[in-house]
Amino acid sequence: MLIKNRVMREFFYAFGDFFMWIFENTIEPLGNIPNNAAILLGFVGLFIWLRMQARFNAEAKANGTLK
C-alpha cells in the first residue's frame, strides 16, 4: 500500500510540475492576450447567435408560429 501511495504522489507531483511549466513558459509570457481573445470570441459568438435568433424570429413571424 505504501508503494502505491508513493507512486500516486509522484504521478500527481509530476502532473502539477508539468502544468506549472506550461503556465510559466506559455501563458504567463502572453500576458493579457488569452483573456482578450476569450472576450473577443465570446462577443463574436454572441453577435452570431443574436443574428441567427433574429432570422429564426422573422421566419416564425412569417409562418405565424411566433408566440
PDB file of N, CA and C in Angstrom:
ATOM      1  N   MET A   1       0.829  -1.195   0.000  1.00  0.00           N
ATOM      2  CA  MET A   1       0.000   0.000   0.000  1.00  0.00           C
ATOM      3  C   MET A   1       0.867   1.249   0.000  1.00  0.00           C
ATOM      4  N   LEU A   2       1.995   1.192   0.720  1.00  0.00           N
ATOM      5  CA  LEU A   2       2.882   2.346   0.801  1.00  0.00           C
ATOM      6  C   LEU A   2       3.485   2.672  -0.561  1.00  0.00           C
ATOM      7  N   ILE A   3       3.799   1.645  -1.330  1.00  0.00           N
ATOM      8  CA  ILE A   3       4.376   1.864  -2.666  1.00  0.00           C
ATOM      9  C   ILE A   3       3.339   2.505  -3.578  1.00  0.00           C
ATOM     10  N   LYS A   4       2.100   2.067  -3.490  1.00  0.00           N
ATOM     11  CA  LYS A   4       1.028   2.629  -4.305  1.00  0.00           C
ATOM     12  C   LYS A   4       0.845   4.120  -3.995  1.00  0.00           C
ATOM     13  N   ASN A   5       0.888   4.494  -2.725  1.00  0.00           N
ATOM     14  CA  ASN A   5       0.751   5.899  -2.348  1.00  0.00           C
ATOM     15  C   ASN A   5       1.900   6.729  -2.894  1.00  0.00           C
ATOM     16  N   ARG A   6       3.120   6.174  -2.846  1.00  0.00           N
ATOM     17  CA  ARG A   6       4.278   6.904  -3.339  1.00  0.00           C
ATOM     18  C   ARG A   6       4.201   7.092  -4.855  1.00  0.00           C
ATOM     19  N   VAL A   7       3.762   6.064  -5.549  1.00  0.00           N
ATOM     20  CA  VAL A   7       3.624   6.155  -6.998  1.00  0.00           C
ATOM     21  C   VAL A   7       2.578   7.204  -7.366  1.00  0.00           C
ATOM     22  N   MET A   8       1.465   7.188  -6.676  1.00  0.00           N
ATOM     23  CA  MET A   8       0.421   8.171  -6.951  1.00  0.00           C
ATOM     24  C   MET A   8       0.898   9.581  -6.628  1.00  0.00           C
ATOM     25  N   ARG A   9       1.620   9.742  -5.524  1.00  0.00           N
ATOM     26  CA  ARG A   9       2.141  11.055  -5.151  1.00  0.00           C
ATOM     27  C   ARG A   9       3.124  11.555  -6.211  1.00  0.00           C
ATOM     28  N   GLU A  10       4.013  10.683  -6.670  1.00  0.00           N
ATOM     29  CA  GLU A  10       4.966  11.065  -7.698  1.00  0.00           C
ATOM     30  C   GLU A  10       4.253  11.440  -8.993  1.00  0.00           C
ATOM     31  N   PHE A  11       3.207  10.693  -9.327  1.00  0.00           N
ATOM     32  CA  PHE A  11       2.434  10.996 -10.536  1.00  0.00           C
ATOM     33  C   PHE A  11       1.796  12.379 -10.444  1.00  0.00           C
ATOM     34  N   PHE A  12       1.144  12.659  -9.336  1.00  0.00           N
ATOM     35  CA  PHE A  12       0.453  13.940  -9.207  1.00  0.00           C
ATOM     36  C   PHE A  12       1.419  15.110  -9.089  1.00  0.00           C
ATOM     37  N   TYR A  13       2.551  14.906  -8.450  1.00  0.00           N
ATOM     38  CA  TYR A  13       3.558  15.969  -8.407  1.00  0.00           C
ATOM     39  C   TYR A  13       4.112  16.227  -9.806  1.00  0.00           C
ATOM     40  N   ALA A  14       4.356  15.178 -10.586  1.00  0.00           N
ATOM     41  CA  ALA A  14       4.829  15.347 -11.961  1.00  0.00           C
ATOM     42  C   ALA A  14       3.773  16.057 -12.802  1.00  0.00           C
ATOM     43  N   PHE A  15       2.530  15.686 -12.594  1.00  0.00           N
ATOM     44  CA  PHE A  15       1.413  16.326 -13.303  1.00  0.00           C
ATOM     45  C   PHE A  15       1.357  17.810 -12.965  1.00  0.00           C
ATOM     46  N   GLY A  16       1.484  18.140 -11.693  1.00  0.00           N
ATOM     47  CA  GLY A  16       1.481  19.540 -11.267  1.00  0.00           C
ATOM     48  C   GLY A  16       2.682  20.297 -11.785  1.00  0.00           C
ATOM     49  N   ASP A  17       3.856  19.665 -11.782  1.00  0.00           N
ATOM     50  CA  ASP A  17       5.053  20.315 -12.324  1.00  0.00           C
ATOM     51  C   ASP A  17       4.893  20.608 -13.815  1.00  0.00           C
ATOM     52  N   PHE A  18       4.276  19.673 -14.532  1.00  0.00           N
ATOM     53  CA  PHE A  18       4.029  19.889 -15.960  1.00  0.00           C
ATOM     54  C   PHE A  18       3.147  21.107 -16.182  1.00  0.00           C
ATOM     55  N   PHE A  19       2.061  21.216 -15.439  1.00  0.00           N
ATOM     56  CA  PHE A  19       1.166  22.360 -15.609  1.00  0.00           C
ATOM     57  C   PHE A  19       1.816  23.667 -15.165  1.00  0.00           C
ATOM     58  N   MET A  20       2.653  23.620 -14.151  1.00  0.00           N
ATOM     59  CA  MET A  20       3.396  24.823 -13.760  1.00  0.00           C
ATOM     60  C   MET A  20       4.338  25.249 -14.881  1.00  0.00           C
ATOM     61  N   TRP A  21       5.002  24.279 -15.505  1.00  0.00           N
ATOM     62  CA  TRP A  21       5.898  24.594 -16.618  1.00  0.00           C
ATOM     63  C   TRP A  21       5.126  25.214 -17.778  1.00  0.00           C
ATOM     64  N   ILE A  22       3.971  24.618 -18.110  1.00  0.00           N
ATOM     65  CA  ILE A  22       3.128  25.159 -19.187  1.00  0.00           C
ATOM     66  C   ILE A  22       2.732  26.589 -18.862  1.00  0.00           C
ATOM     67  N   PHE A  23       2.294  26.831 -17.645  1.00  0.00           N
ATOM     68  CA  PHE A  23       1.852  28.167 -17.259  1.00  0.00           C
ATOM     69  C   PHE A  23       2.998  29.167 -17.325  1.00  0.00           C
ATOM     70  N   GLU A  24       4.147  28.804 -16.782  1.00  0.00           N
ATOM     71  CA  GLU A  24       5.265  29.743 -16.708  1.00  0.00           C
ATOM     72  C   GLU A  24       5.887  30.020 -18.071  1.00  0.00           C
ATOM     73  N   ASN A  25       5.829  29.069 -19.001  1.00  0.00           N
ATOM     74  CA  ASN A  25       6.530  29.222 -20.269  1.00  0.00           C
ATOM     75  C   ASN A  25       5.641  29.567 -21.450  1.00  0.00           C
ATOM     76  N   THR A  26       4.341  29.463 -21.310  1.00  0.00           N
ATOM     77  CA  THR A  26       3.473  29.799 -22.441  1.00  0.00           C
ATOM     78  C   THR A  26       2.442  30.860 -22.071  1.00  0.00           C
ATOM     79  N   ILE A  27       1.686  30.615 -21.054  1.00  0.00           N
ATOM     80  CA  ILE A  27       0.575  31.514 -20.741  1.00  0.00           C
ATOM     81  C   ILE A  27       1.065  32.808 -20.103  1.00  0.00           C
ATOM     82  N   GLU A  28       1.977  32.710 -19.168  1.00  0.00           N
ATOM     83  CA  GLU A  28       2.452  33.898 -18.459  1.00  0.00           C
ATOM     84  C   GLU A  28       3.130  34.911 -19.389  1.00  0.00           C
ATOM     85  N   PRO A  29       4.001  34.489 -20.322  1.00  0.00           N
ATOM     86  CA  PRO A  29       4.616  35.472 -21.225  1.00  0.00           C
ATOM     87  C   PRO A  29       3.615  36.141 -22.169  1.00  0.00           C
ATOM     88  N   LEU A  30       2.492  35.492 -22.432  1.00  0.00           N
ATOM     89  CA  LEU A  30       1.495  36.084 -23.320  1.00  0.00           C
ATOM     90  C   LEU A  30       0.758  37.246 -22.665  1.00  0.00           C
ATOM     91  N   GLY A  31       0.806  37.332 -21.375  1.00  0.00           N
ATOM     92  CA  GLY A  31       0.165  38.440 -20.671  1.00  0.00           C
ATOM     93  C   GLY A  31      -1.343  38.350 -20.742  1.00  0.00           C
ATOM     94  N   ASN A  32      -1.957  39.406 -21.222  1.00  0.00           N
ATOM     95  CA  ASN A  32      -3.414  39.513 -21.234  1.00  0.00           C
ATOM     96  C   ASN A  32      -4.024  39.054 -22.557  1.00  0.00           C
ATOM     97  N   ILE A  33      -3.220  38.583 -23.493  1.00  0.00           N
ATOM     98  CA  ILE A  33      -3.724  38.189 -24.808  1.00  0.00           C
ATOM     99  C   ILE A  33      -4.763  37.068 -24.721  1.00  0.00           C
ATOM    100  N   PRO A  34      -4.544  35.990 -23.950  1.00  0.00           N
ATOM    101  CA  PRO A  34      -5.584  34.950 -23.874  1.00  0.00           C
ATOM    102  C   PRO A  34      -6.911  35.464 -23.314  1.00  0.00           C
ATOM    103  N   ASN A  35      -6.853  36.377 -22.350  1.00  0.00           N
ATOM    104  CA  ASN A  35      -8.087  36.942 -21.796  1.00  0.00           C
ATOM    105  C   ASN A  35      -8.824  37.757 -22.852  1.00  0.00           C
ATOM    106  N   ASN A  36      -8.088  38.595 -23.567  1.00  0.00           N
ATOM    107  CA  ASN A  36      -8.712  39.402 -24.606  1.00  0.00           C
ATOM    108  C   ASN A  36      -9.272  38.537 -25.730  1.00  0.00           C
ATOM    109  N   ALA A  37      -8.560  37.465 -26.084  1.00  0.00           N
ATOM    110  CA  ALA A  37      -9.043  36.560 -27.119  1.00  0.00           C
ATOM    111  C   ALA A  37     -10.336  35.878 -26.685  1.00  0.00           C
ATOM    112  N   ALA A  38     -10.414  35.455 -25.432  1.00  0.00           N
ATOM    113  CA  ALA A  38     -11.630  34.808 -24.932  1.00  0.00           C
ATOM    114  C   ALA A  38     -12.815  35.775 -24.936  1.00  0.00           C
ATOM    115  N   ILE A  39     -12.583  37.013 -24.538  1.00  0.00           N
ATOM    116  CA  ILE A  39     -13.651  38.014 -24.534  1.00  0.00           C
ATOM    117  C   ILE A  39     -14.105  38.309 -25.959  1.00  0.00           C
ATOM    118  N   LEU A  40     -13.151  38.460 -26.876  1.00  0.00           N
ATOM    119  CA  LEU A  40     -13.482  38.726 -28.274  1.00  0.00           C
ATOM    120  C   LEU A  40     -14.265  37.568 -28.870  1.00  0.00           C
ATOM    121  N   LEU A  41     -13.823  36.345 -28.612  1.00  0.00           N
ATOM    122  CA  LEU A  41     -14.533  35.171 -29.108  1.00  0.00           C
ATOM    123  C   LEU A  41     -15.944  35.098 -28.539  1.00  0.00           C
ATOM    124  N   GLY A  42     -16.113  35.448 -27.282  1.00  0.00           N
ATOM    125  CA  GLY A  42     -17.443  35.464 -26.675  1.00  0.00           C
ATOM    126  C   GLY A  42     -18.366  36.470 -27.332  1.00  0.00           C
ATOM    127  N   PHE A  43     -17.852  37.669 -27.623  1.00  0.00           N
ATOM    128  CA  PHE A  43     -18.683  38.674 -28.284  1.00  0.00           C
ATOM    129  C   PHE A  43     -19.017  38.284 -29.719  1.00  0.00           C
ATOM    130  N   VAL A  44     -18.065  37.710 -30.430  1.00  0.00           N
ATOM    131  CA  VAL A  44     -18.338  37.246 -31.793  1.00  0.00           C
ATOM    132  C   VAL A  44     -19.429  36.184 -31.761  1.00  0.00           C
ATOM    133  N   GLY A  45     -19.308  35.230 -30.843  1.00  0.00           N
ATOM    134  CA  GLY A  45     -20.342  34.198 -30.706  1.00  0.00           C
ATOM    135  C   GLY A  45     -21.696  34.786 -30.347  1.00  0.00           C
ATOM    136  N   LEU A  46     -21.695  35.797 -29.474  1.00  0.00           N
ATOM    137  CA  LEU A  46     -22.947  36.447 -29.090  1.00  0.00           C
ATOM    138  C   LEU A  46     -23.624  37.099 -30.289  1.00  0.00           C
ATOM    139  N   PHE A  47     -22.848  37.830 -31.089  1.00  0.00           N
ATOM    140  CA  PHE A  47     -23.432  38.513 -32.242  1.00  0.00           C
ATOM    141  C   PHE A  47     -23.914  37.527 -33.306  1.00  0.00           C
ATOM    142  N   ILE A  48     -23.196  36.427 -33.496  1.00  0.00           N
ATOM    143  CA  ILE A  48     -23.658  35.403 -34.438  1.00  0.00           C
ATOM    144  C   ILE A  48     -24.970  34.800 -33.952  1.00  0.00           C
ATOM    145  N   TRP A  49     -25.018  34.486 -32.654  1.00  0.00           N
ATOM    146  CA  TRP A  49     -26.229  33.887 -32.095  1.00  0.00           C
ATOM    147  C   TRP A  49     -27.417  34.854 -32.199  1.00  0.00           C
ATOM    148  N   LEU A  50     -27.188  36.132 -31.893  1.00  0.00           N
ATOM    149  CA  LEU A  50     -28.286  37.106 -31.976  1.00  0.00           C
ATOM    150  C   LEU A  50     -28.780  37.271 -33.400  1.00  0.00           C
ATOM    151  N   ARG A  51     -27.859  37.256 -34.374  1.00  0.00           N
ATOM    152  CA  ARG A  51     -28.265  37.369 -35.773  1.00  0.00           C
ATOM    153  C   ARG A  51     -29.093  36.147 -36.189  1.00  0.00           C
ATOM    154  N   MET A  52     -28.648  34.958 -35.775  1.00  0.00           N
ATOM    155  CA  MET A  52     -29.413  33.748 -36.091  1.00  0.00           C
ATOM    156  C   MET A  52     -30.785  33.778 -35.422  1.00  0.00           C
ATOM    157  N   GLN A  53     -30.844  34.251 -34.187  1.00  0.00           N
ATOM    158  CA  GLN A  53     -32.117  34.307 -33.474  1.00  0.00           C
ATOM    159  C   GLN A  53     -33.075  35.280 -34.152  1.00  0.00           C
ATOM    160  N   ALA A  54     -32.560  36.393 -34.640  1.00  0.00           N
ATOM    161  CA  ALA A  54     -33.405  37.353 -35.361  1.00  0.00           C
ATOM    162  C   ALA A  54     -33.968  36.719 -36.627  1.00  0.00           C
ATOM    163  N   ARG A  55     -33.160  35.941 -37.324  1.00  0.00           N
ATOM    164  CA  ARG A  55     -33.650  35.250 -38.532  1.00  0.00           C
ATOM    165  C   ARG A  55     -34.727  34.230 -38.175  1.00  0.00           C
ATOM    166  N   PHE A  56     -34.497  33.476 -37.096  1.00  0.00           N
ATOM    167  CA  PHE A  56     -35.499  32.492 -36.676  1.00  0.00           C
ATOM    168  C   PHE A  56     -36.801  33.180 -36.277  1.00  0.00           C
ATOM    169  N   ASN A  57     -36.697  34.298 -35.572  1.00  0.00           N
ATOM    170  CA  ASN A  57     -37.908  35.037 -35.179  1.00  0.00           C
ATOM    171  C   ASN A  57     -38.646  35.570 -36.395  1.00  0.00           C
ATOM    172  N   ALA A  58     -37.914  36.094 -37.387  1.00  0.00           N
ATOM    173  CA  ALA A  58     -38.559  36.605 -38.615  1.00  0.00           C
ATOM    174  C   ALA A  58     -39.258  35.476 -39.367  1.00  0.00           C
ATOM    175  N   GLU A  59     -38.609  34.315 -39.429  1.00  0.00           N
ATOM    176  CA  GLU A  59     -39.230  33.177 -40.103  1.00  0.00           C
ATOM    177  C   GLU A  59     -40.466  32.705 -39.358  1.00  0.00           C
ATOM    178  N   ALA A  60     -40.412  32.658 -38.029  1.00  0.00           N
ATOM    179  CA  ALA A  60     -41.566  32.241 -37.237  1.00  0.00           C
ATOM    180  C   ALA A  60     -42.702  33.238 -37.367  1.00  0.00           C
ATOM    181  N   LYS A  61     -42.362  34.525 -37.422  1.00  0.00           N
ATOM    182  CA  LYS A  61     -43.405  35.545 -37.573  1.00  0.00           C
ATOM    183  C   LYS A  61     -44.070  35.428 -38.939  1.00  0.00           C
ATOM    184  N   ALA A  62     -43.273  35.153 -39.988  1.00  0.00           N
ATOM    185  CA  ALA A  62     -43.828  34.998 -41.337  1.00  0.00           C
ATOM    186  C   ALA A  62     -44.709  33.756 -41.424  1.00  0.00           C
ATOM    187  N   ASN A  63     -44.382  32.713 -40.713  1.00  0.00           N
ATOM    188  CA  ASN A  63     -45.175  31.474 -40.727  1.00  0.00           C
ATOM    189  C   ASN A  63     -46.344  31.515 -39.762  1.00  0.00           C
ATOM    190  N   GLY A  64     -46.391  32.551 -38.913  1.00  0.00           N
ATOM    191  CA  GLY A  64     -47.463  32.663 -37.933  1.00  0.00           C
ATOM    192  C   GLY A  64     -47.285  31.764 -36.740  1.00  0.00           C
ATOM    193  N   THR A  65     -46.059  31.312 -36.485  1.00  0.00           N
ATOM    194  CA  THR A  65     -45.826  30.419 -35.363  1.00  0.00           C
ATOM    195  C   THR A  65     -45.146  31.105 -34.200  1.00  0.00           C
ATOM    196  N   LEU A  66     -44.938  32.402 -34.290  1.00  0.00           N
ATOM    197  CA  LEU A  66     -44.303  33.140 -33.210  1.00  0.00           C
ATOM    198  C   LEU A  66     -45.329  33.409 -32.123  1.00  0.00           C
ATOM    199  N   LYS A  67     -45.015  33.053 -30.896  1.00  0.00           N
ATOM    200  CA  LYS A  67     -45.969  33.234 -29.788  1.00  0.00           C
ATOM    201  C   LYS A  67     -45.728  34.566 -29.123  1.00  0.00           C
TER     202      LYS A  67
END
